């Protein structure tokens, strides 16, 4: 059930950005330029584990990969 909720929320964000692109290309480009995938992953991992160390390690790795 939790997996379905995560999938629906993530899909809604993607659909929202694509719908925004129909009205404002600049606003949708701004939202897409943000690291939405990383932020969503950070949120889901923190909700599931409440482990800040995992988030710190992951953000450090994402920083160096970007």
C-alpha atoms as a PDB file:
ATOM      1  CA  UNK A   1       0.000   0.000   0.000  1.00  0.00           C
ATOM      2  CA  UNK A   2       2.825   2.385   0.893  1.00  0.00           C
ATOM      3  CA  UNK A   3       4.485   1.731  -2.478  1.00  0.00           C
ATOM      4  CA  UNK A   4       1.262   2.675  -4.259  1.00  0.00           C
ATOM      5  CA  UNK A   5       0.989   5.939  -2.294  1.00  0.00           C
ATOM      6  CA  UNK A   6       4.612   6.846  -3.124  1.00  0.00           C
ATOM      7  CA  UNK A   7       4.033   6.056  -6.790  1.00  0.00           C
ATOM      8  CA  UNK A   8       0.841   8.125  -6.950  1.00  0.00           C
ATOM      9  CA  UNK A   9       2.406  11.163  -5.282  1.00  0.00           C
ATOM     10  CA  UNK A  10       5.443  11.012  -7.544  1.00  0.00           C
ATOM     11  CA  UNK A  11       3.262  10.582 -10.637  1.00  0.00           C
ATOM     12  CA  UNK A  12       1.094  13.539  -9.598  1.00  0.00           C
ATOM     13  CA  UNK A  13       4.157  15.762  -9.351  1.00  0.00           C
ATOM     14  CA  UNK A  14       5.332  14.713 -12.813  1.00  0.00           C
ATOM     15  CA  UNK A  15       1.879  15.234 -14.306  1.00  0.00           C
ATOM     16  CA  UNK A  16       1.613  18.601 -12.571  1.00  0.00           C
ATOM     17  CA  UNK A  17       4.879  19.797 -14.067  1.00  0.00           C
ATOM     18  CA  UNK A  18       3.877  18.607 -17.531  1.00  0.00           C
ATOM     19  CA  UNK A  19       0.517  20.384 -17.244  1.00  0.00           C
ATOM     20  CA  UNK A  20       2.288  23.531 -16.060  1.00  0.00           C
ATOM     21  CA  UNK A  21       4.424  23.382 -19.209  1.00  0.00           C
ATOM     22  CA  UNK A  22       1.278  23.959 -21.265  1.00  0.00           C
ATOM     23  CA  UNK A  23       0.757  27.296 -19.511  1.00  0.00           C
ATOM     24  CA  UNK A  24       4.249  28.480 -18.671  1.00  0.00           C
ATOM     25  CA  UNK A  25       7.371  26.987 -20.163  1.00  0.00           C
ATOM     26  CA  UNK A  26       9.592  29.023 -17.868  1.00  0.00           C
ATOM     27  CA  UNK A  27       7.836  27.884 -14.665  1.00  0.00           C
ATOM     28  CA  UNK A  28       7.908  24.235 -15.695  1.00  0.00           C
ATOM     29  CA  UNK A  29      11.575  24.496 -16.717  1.00  0.00           C
ATOM     30  CA  UNK A  30      12.339  26.040 -13.334  1.00  0.00           C
ATOM     31  CA  UNK A  31      10.636  23.185 -11.494  1.00  0.00           C
ATOM     32  CA  UNK A  32      12.319  20.580 -13.672  1.00  0.00           C
ATOM     33  CA  UNK A  33      15.726  22.133 -13.120  1.00  0.00           C
ATOM     34  CA  UNK A  34      15.356  21.527  -9.400  1.00  0.00           C
ATOM     35  CA  UNK A  35      16.590  18.146  -8.273  1.00  0.00           C
ATOM     36  CA  UNK A  36      13.056  16.790  -7.822  1.00  0.00           C
ATOM     37  CA  UNK A  37      14.119  13.165  -8.058  1.00  0.00           C
ATOM     38  CA  UNK A  38      16.737  13.588  -5.357  1.00  0.00           C
ATOM     39  CA  UNK A  39      14.375  15.484  -3.088  1.00  0.00           C
ATOM     40  CA  UNK A  40      11.665  12.862  -3.484  1.00  0.00           C
ATOM     41  CA  UNK A  41      14.169  10.103  -2.752  1.00  0.00           C
ATOM     42  CA  UNK A  42      15.375  11.954   0.354  1.00  0.00           C
ATOM     43  CA  UNK A  43      11.816  12.373   1.576  1.00  0.00           C
ATOM     44  CA  UNK A  44      10.830   8.750   0.985  1.00  0.00           C
ATOM     45  CA  UNK A  45      14.001   7.387   2.603  1.00  0.00           C
ATOM     46  CA  UNK A  46      13.589   9.632   5.641  1.00  0.00           C
ATOM     47  CA  UNK A  47       9.923   8.706   6.061  1.00  0.00           C
ATOM     48  CA  UNK A  48      10.743   5.007   5.810  1.00  0.00           C
ATOM     49  CA  UNK A  49      13.807   4.923   8.053  1.00  0.00           C
ATOM     50  CA  UNK A  50      14.029   8.194  10.082  1.00  0.00           C
ATOM     51  CA  UNK A  51      17.787   7.847   9.578  1.00  0.00           C
ATOM     52  CA  UNK A  52      19.452  11.195   8.960  1.00  0.00           C
ATOM     53  CA  UNK A  53      22.798   9.524   8.348  1.00  0.00           C
ATOM     54  CA  UNK A  54      21.402   7.801   5.243  1.00  0.00           C
ATOM     55  CA  UNK A  55      20.179  11.128   3.896  1.00  0.00           C
ATOM     56  CA  UNK A  56      23.527  12.788   4.599  1.00  0.00           C
ATOM     57  CA  UNK A  57      25.458  10.020   2.864  1.00  0.00           C
ATOM     58  CA  UNK A  58      23.110  10.017  -0.107  1.00  0.00           C
ATOM     59  CA  UNK A  59      23.186  13.813  -0.488  1.00  0.00           C
ATOM     60  CA  UNK A  60      26.983  13.743  -0.344  1.00  0.00           C
ATOM     61  CA  UNK A  61      27.067  11.124  -3.106  1.00  0.00           C
ATOM     62  CA  UNK A  62      24.532  13.038  -5.223  1.00  0.00           C
ATOM     63  CA  UNK A  63      26.602  16.213  -4.819  1.00  0.00           C
ATOM     64  CA  UNK A  64      29.729  14.555  -6.167  1.00  0.00           C
ATOM     65  CA  UNK A  65      27.895  12.801  -8.988  1.00  0.00           C
ATOM     66  CA  UNK A  66      26.315  16.048 -10.180  1.00  0.00           C
END
